[in-house]
Amino acid sequence: MKRGIVLLVFVCAAGCGTNVDTPPLPMTTSTAATTVTTPPEISESVAVEPLLKDPCAAVSMSTLRDLGVPLVPARIEVDAAVGCRWEEGSVGTGLGVIVHPGHDPLEGVFDRSGVQQIDVAGFPALRLGVKPESLCQVWVKTAPDQGISVNYRSFDRPIDACGGATAVASEVAGALRR
């Protein structure tokens, strides 16, 4: 079940798209990435329950416009995880956000080649730029066995995929602290 949730992110990233022609704004992260050798631990637990009712509302319309993804989300449910995706087939740019209420999203990820440890809104996170110009994934641990994962990708033009995924992860995780 845990690997199924992580695989969902990869499947969505590989088969999702949109026909939106708006170029995304460049995004950056303020924390330098480091190579991960052990799973990062959290210093403060924040539960993801507030996101479960409407995970689609966790990303603002202005962020969706900046990323150039469709503005109408599709809610997704897999195992115990819920989330949203903003995409239109397998062209264009797409975004996926998954809320993990009973699964550590960092489990099974930290030891993959190319994974970098970053800080997202004060939470430990991992980032993998599968193809940094077109596909990036970010996993954030907000509490023991809880967190979020984000993927951002483009099929038809170069984007700052890791900047976009990190910005969305920061927005969603930051909302949990409010």
C-alpha atoms as a PDB file:
ATOM      1  CA  MET A   1       0.000   0.000   0.000  1.00  0.00           C
ATOM      2  CA  LYS A   2       2.761   2.471   0.880  1.00  0.00           C
ATOM      3  CA  ARG A   3       4.608   1.886  -2.373  1.00  0.00           C
ATOM      4  CA  GLY A   4       1.297   2.157  -4.257  1.00  0.00           C
ATOM      5  CA  ILE A   5       0.850   5.709  -3.033  1.00  0.00           C
ATOM      6  CA  VAL A   6       4.349   6.692  -4.086  1.00  0.00           C
ATOM      7  CA  LEU A   7       3.847   4.968  -7.431  1.00  0.00           C
ATOM      8  CA  LEU A   8       0.639   6.925  -7.949  1.00  0.00           C
ATOM      9  CA  VAL A   9       2.684  10.101  -8.014  1.00  0.00           C
ATOM     10  CA  PHE A  10       4.976   8.644 -10.674  1.00  0.00           C
ATOM     11  CA  VAL A  11       2.068   7.323 -12.757  1.00  0.00           C
ATOM     12  CA  CYS A  12       0.279  10.657 -12.575  1.00  0.00           C
ATOM     13  CA  ALA A  13       3.458  12.481 -13.528  1.00  0.00           C
ATOM     14  CA  ALA A  14       4.010  10.233 -16.512  1.00  0.00           C
ATOM     15  CA  GLY A  15       0.469  10.300 -17.876  1.00  0.00           C
ATOM     16  CA  CYS A  16      -1.001  13.708 -17.119  1.00  0.00           C
ATOM     17  CA  GLY A  17      -1.059  16.901 -19.143  1.00  0.00           C
ATOM     18  CA  THR A  18      -2.811  20.088 -20.235  1.00  0.00           C
ATOM     19  CA  ASN A  19      -3.132  22.346 -23.234  1.00  0.00           C
ATOM     20  CA  VAL A  20      -2.464  25.580 -21.342  1.00  0.00           C
ATOM     21  CA  ASP A  21       0.114  27.760 -23.133  1.00  0.00           C
ATOM     22  CA  THR A  22       0.893  30.093 -20.221  1.00  0.00           C
ATOM     23  CA  PRO A  23       4.586  29.850 -19.318  1.00  0.00           C
ATOM     24  CA  PRO A  24       5.238  29.260 -15.618  1.00  0.00           C
ATOM     25  CA  LEU A  25       6.998  31.908 -13.611  1.00  0.00           C
ATOM     26  CA  PRO A  26      10.502  31.008 -12.469  1.00  0.00           C
ATOM     27  CA  MET A  27      10.499  29.688  -8.914  1.00  0.00           C
ATOM     28  CA  THR A  28      13.306  29.098  -6.501  1.00  0.00           C
ATOM     29  CA  THR A  29      13.839  27.502  -3.132  1.00  0.00           C
ATOM     30  CA  SER A  30      15.666  29.281  -0.359  1.00  0.00           C
ATOM     31  CA  THR A  31      17.256  26.187   1.167  1.00  0.00           C
ATOM     32  CA  ALA A  32      20.286  24.475  -0.336  1.00  0.00           C
ATOM     33  CA  ALA A  33      19.753  20.796  -1.094  1.00  0.00           C
ATOM     34  CA  THR A  34      21.935  18.059   0.306  1.00  0.00           C
ATOM     35  CA  THR A  35      22.344  14.399  -0.574  1.00  0.00           C
ATOM     36  CA  VAL A  36      20.342  12.123   1.715  1.00  0.00           C
ATOM     37  CA  THR A  37      21.892   9.151   3.486  1.00  0.00           C
ATOM     38  CA  THR A  38      19.312   8.624   6.266  1.00  0.00           C
ATOM     39  CA  PRO A  39      15.638   9.549   6.440  1.00  0.00           C
ATOM     40  CA  PRO A  40      15.108  13.057   7.811  1.00  0.00           C
ATOM     41  CA  GLU A  41      13.174  13.473  11.060  1.00  0.00           C
ATOM     42  CA  ILE A  42      10.607  16.099  11.979  1.00  0.00           C
ATOM     43  CA  SER A  43      11.129  18.569  14.813  1.00  0.00           C
ATOM     44  CA  GLU A  44       7.470  19.667  15.050  1.00  0.00           C
ATOM     45  CA  SER A  45       4.439  17.526  14.142  1.00  0.00           C
ATOM     46  CA  VAL A  46       1.533  19.047  12.254  1.00  0.00           C
ATOM     47  CA  ALA A  47      -1.286  16.709  11.202  1.00  0.00           C
ATOM     48  CA  VAL A  48      -2.578  16.694   7.624  1.00  0.00           C
ATOM     49  CA  GLU A  49      -6.249  16.204   8.603  1.00  0.00           C
ATOM     50  CA  PRO A  50      -7.245  19.782   7.639  1.00  0.00           C
ATOM     51  CA  LEU A  51      -6.317  18.940   4.018  1.00  0.00           C
ATOM     52  CA  LEU A  52      -8.360  15.726   3.788  1.00  0.00           C
ATOM     53  CA  LYS A  53     -11.788  17.288   3.233  1.00  0.00           C
ATOM     54  CA  ASP A  54     -10.755  19.430   0.260  1.00  0.00           C
ATOM     55  CA  PRO A  55      -7.147  18.853  -0.816  1.00  0.00           C
ATOM     56  CA  CYS A  56      -7.843  20.752  -4.048  1.00  0.00           C
ATOM     57  CA  ALA A  57      -8.259  24.007  -2.114  1.00  0.00           C
ATOM     58  CA  ALA A  58      -4.697  23.710  -0.773  1.00  0.00           C
ATOM     59  CA  VAL A  59      -3.212  25.326  -3.906  1.00  0.00           C
ATOM     60  CA  SER A  60      -4.206  28.906  -4.722  1.00  0.00           C
ATOM     61  CA  MET A  61      -5.583  29.963  -8.092  1.00  0.00           C
ATOM     62  CA  SER A  62      -2.691  32.403  -8.509  1.00  0.00           C
ATOM     63  CA  THR A  63      -0.178  29.573  -8.041  1.00  0.00           C
ATOM     64  CA  LEU A  64      -2.042  27.414 -10.566  1.00  0.00           C
ATOM     65  CA  ARG A  65      -1.981  30.298 -13.069  1.00  0.00           C
ATOM     66  CA  ASP A  66       1.730  30.920 -12.422  1.00  0.00           C
ATOM     67  CA  LEU A  67       2.474  27.247 -13.085  1.00  0.00           C
ATOM     68  CA  GLY A  68       0.414  27.203 -16.277  1.00  0.00           C
ATOM     69  CA  VAL A  69      -1.760  24.252 -15.238  1.00  0.00           C
ATOM     70  CA  PRO A  70      -5.522  23.870 -15.718  1.00  0.00           C
ATOM     71  CA  LEU A  71      -7.560  25.691 -13.100  1.00  0.00           C
ATOM     72  CA  VAL A  72     -10.133  22.912 -12.646  1.00  0.00           C
ATOM     73  CA  PRO A  73      -8.865  20.086 -10.421  1.00  0.00           C
ATOM     74  CA  ALA A  74      -9.778  16.422 -10.302  1.00  0.00           C
ATOM     75  CA  ARG A  75      -9.933  14.842  -6.848  1.00  0.00           C
ATOM     76  CA  ILE A  76      -8.127  11.510  -6.562  1.00  0.00           C
ATOM     77  CA  GLU A  77      -8.253   8.800  -3.883  1.00  0.00           C
ATOM     78  CA  VAL A  78      -5.863   5.874  -3.593  1.00  0.00           C
ATOM     79  CA  ASP A  79      -5.712   3.584  -0.588  1.00  0.00           C
ATOM     80  CA  ALA A  80      -5.779   5.962   2.415  1.00  0.00           C
ATOM     81  CA  ALA A  81      -4.407   8.932   0.476  1.00  0.00           C
ATOM     82  CA  VAL A  82      -6.398  11.719  -1.160  1.00  0.00           C
ATOM     83  CA  GLY A  83      -5.288  14.447  -3.470  1.00  0.00           C
ATOM     84  CA  CYS A  84      -5.844  16.514  -6.556  1.00  0.00           C
ATOM     85  CA  ARG A  85      -4.427  16.773 -10.001  1.00  0.00           C
ATOM     86  CA  TRP A  86      -4.591  19.600 -12.434  1.00  0.00           C
ATOM     87  CA  GLU A  87      -4.055  18.237 -15.961  1.00  0.00           C
ATOM     88  CA  GLU A  88      -5.648  17.512 -19.320  1.00  0.00           C
ATOM     89  CA  GLY A  89      -4.292  14.314 -20.823  1.00  0.00           C
ATOM     90  CA  SER A  90      -0.656  13.740 -21.732  1.00  0.00           C
ATOM     91  CA  VAL A  91       0.332  17.099 -23.220  1.00  0.00           C
ATOM     92  CA  GLY A  92       1.100  20.430 -21.605  1.00  0.00           C
ATOM     93  CA  THR A  93       1.827  21.000 -17.940  1.00  0.00           C
ATOM     94  CA  GLY A  94       0.352  19.186 -14.942  1.00  0.00           C
ATOM     95  CA  LEU A  95       0.424  19.247 -11.170  1.00  0.00           C
ATOM     96  CA  GLY A  96      -0.431  16.601  -8.590  1.00  0.00           C
ATOM     97  CA  VAL A  97      -0.758  16.963  -4.817  1.00  0.00           C
ATOM     98  CA  ILE A  98      -1.273  13.913  -2.584  1.00  0.00           C
ATOM     99  CA  VAL A  99      -2.111  14.041   1.149  1.00  0.00           C
ATOM    100  CA  HIS A 100      -0.801  11.048   3.117  1.00  0.00           C
ATOM    101  CA  PRO A 101      -2.730  10.775   6.433  1.00  0.00           C
ATOM    102  CA  GLY A 102      -1.334   7.374   7.459  1.00  0.00           C
ATOM    103  CA  HIS A 103       1.895   6.963   5.531  1.00  0.00           C
ATOM    104  CA  ASP A 104       5.321   8.565   5.850  1.00  0.00           C
ATOM    105  CA  PRO A 105       5.837  10.010   2.355  1.00  0.00           C
ATOM    106  CA  LEU A 106       9.624   9.917   2.825  1.00  0.00           C
ATOM    107  CA  GLU A 107       9.655   6.155   3.372  1.00  0.00           C
ATOM    108  CA  GLY A 108      11.180   4.352   0.434  1.00  0.00           C
ATOM    109  CA  VAL A 109      12.307   7.614  -1.162  1.00  0.00           C
ATOM    110  CA  PHE A 110      15.307   8.852   0.832  1.00  0.00           C
ATOM    111  CA  ASP A 111      17.740   6.272  -0.524  1.00  0.00           C
ATOM    112  CA  ARG A 112      16.951   6.748  -4.234  1.00  0.00           C
ATOM    113  CA  SER A 113      19.724   8.027  -6.442  1.00  0.00           C
ATOM    114  CA  GLY A 114      19.527  11.778  -6.990  1.00  0.00           C
ATOM    115  CA  VAL A 115      17.213  12.526  -4.051  1.00  0.00           C
ATOM    116  CA  GLN A 116      18.087  15.716  -2.192  1.00  0.00           C
ATOM    117  CA  GLN A 117      17.057  16.743   1.313  1.00  0.00           C
ATOM    118  CA  ILE A 118      15.470  20.187   1.534  1.00  0.00           C
ATOM    119  CA  ASP A 119      13.425  22.197   4.004  1.00  0.00           C
ATOM    120  CA  VAL A 120       9.839  22.999   3.038  1.00  0.00           C
ATOM    121  CA  ALA A 121       7.961  25.410   5.319  1.00  0.00           C
ATOM    122  CA  GLY A 122      10.049  24.192   8.267  1.00  0.00           C
ATOM    123  CA  PHE A 123       9.397  20.492   7.556  1.00  0.00           C
ATOM    124  CA  PRO A 124      11.915  17.903   6.361  1.00  0.00           C
ATOM    125  CA  ALA A 125      11.432  17.128   2.694  1.00  0.00           C
ATOM    126  CA  LEU A 126      13.000  15.234  -0.176  1.00  0.00           C
ATOM    127  CA  ARG A 127      13.181  16.378  -3.784  1.00  0.00           C
ATOM    128  CA  LEU A 128      13.897  14.375  -6.899  1.00  0.00           C
ATOM    129  CA  GLY A 129      14.413  16.169 -10.184  1.00  0.00           C
ATOM    130  CA  VAL A 130      13.682  13.203 -12.424  1.00  0.00           C
ATOM    131  CA  LYS A 131      14.200  15.577 -15.341  1.00  0.00           C
ATOM    132  CA  PRO A 132      14.532  19.034 -13.724  1.00  0.00           C
ATOM    133  CA  GLU A 133      13.423  20.772 -16.923  1.00  0.00           C
ATOM    134  CA  SER A 134      10.239  18.687 -17.163  1.00  0.00           C
ATOM    135  CA  LEU A 135       9.508  16.541 -14.051  1.00  0.00           C
ATOM    136  CA  CYS A 136      10.180  16.962 -10.342  1.00  0.00           C
ATOM    137  CA  GLN A 137       8.716  15.415  -7.208  1.00  0.00           C
ATOM    138  CA  VAL A 138       8.768  16.683  -3.620  1.00  0.00           C
ATOM    139  CA  TRP A 139       7.811  14.671  -0.533  1.00  0.00           C
ATOM    140  CA  VAL A 140       7.199  16.473   2.797  1.00  0.00           C
ATOM    141  CA  LYS A 141       6.901  14.859   6.227  1.00  0.00           C
ATOM    142  CA  THR A 142       4.646  16.921   8.521  1.00  0.00           C
ATOM    143  CA  ALA A 143       4.102  14.391  11.329  1.00  0.00           C
ATOM    144  CA  PRO A 144       5.013  10.767  12.067  1.00  0.00           C
ATOM    145  CA  ASP A 145       3.436   8.727   9.271  1.00  0.00           C
ATOM    146  CA  GLN A 146       1.869  11.804   7.660  1.00  0.00           C
ATOM    147  CA  GLY A 147       2.733  14.313   4.991  1.00  0.00           C
ATOM    148  CA  ILE A 148       2.221  15.425   1.410  1.00  0.00           C
ATOM    149  CA  SER A 149       3.769  14.781  -1.973  1.00  0.00           C
ATOM    150  CA  VAL A 150       3.791  17.011  -5.043  1.00  0.00           C
ATOM    151  CA  ASN A 151       4.718  16.431  -8.655  1.00  0.00           C
ATOM    152  CA  TYR A 152       4.976  19.050 -11.355  1.00  0.00           C
ATOM    153  CA  ARG A 153       5.780  18.251 -14.972  1.00  0.00           C
ATOM    154  CA  SER A 154       5.578  19.303 -18.575  1.00  0.00           C
ATOM    155  CA  PHE A 155       5.413  17.189 -21.695  1.00  0.00           C
ATOM    156  CA  ASP A 156       5.936  19.867 -24.306  1.00  0.00           C
ATOM    157  CA  ARG A 157       8.226  22.660 -23.060  1.00  0.00           C
ATOM    158  CA  PRO A 158      11.006  23.243 -20.559  1.00  0.00           C
ATOM    159  CA  ILE A 159       9.923  24.433 -17.103  1.00  0.00           C
ATOM    160  CA  ASP A 160      11.550  24.862 -13.716  1.00  0.00           C
ATOM    161  CA  ALA A 161       9.910  21.668 -12.488  1.00  0.00           C
ATOM    162  CA  CYS A 162      11.733  21.537  -9.145  1.00  0.00           C
ATOM    163  CA  GLY A 163      11.104  25.216  -8.459  1.00  0.00           C
ATOM    164  CA  GLY A 164       7.405  24.759  -9.173  1.00  0.00           C
ATOM    165  CA  ALA A 165       7.041  21.540  -7.162  1.00  0.00           C
ATOM    166  CA  THR A 166       8.913  23.062  -4.213  1.00  0.00           C
ATOM    167  CA  ALA A 167       6.795  26.239  -4.317  1.00  0.00           C
ATOM    168  CA  VAL A 168       3.556  24.220  -4.266  1.00  0.00           C
ATOM    169  CA  ALA A 169       4.849  21.997  -1.462  1.00  0.00           C
ATOM    170  CA  SER A 170       5.741  25.135   0.533  1.00  0.00           C
ATOM    171  CA  GLU A 171       2.283  26.607  -0.028  1.00  0.00           C
ATOM    172  CA  VAL A 172       0.438  23.437   0.997  1.00  0.00           C
ATOM    173  CA  ALA A 173       2.673  22.600   3.990  1.00  0.00           C
ATOM    174  CA  GLY A 174       2.718  26.242   5.071  1.00  0.00           C
ATOM    175  CA  ALA A 175      -1.093  26.283   5.129  1.00  0.00           C
ATOM    176  CA  LEU A 176      -0.998  23.492   7.721  1.00  0.00           C
ATOM    177  CA  ARG A 177       0.904  25.759  10.095  1.00  0.00           C
ATOM    178  CA  ARG A 178      -1.778  28.479   9.996  1.00  0.00           C
END
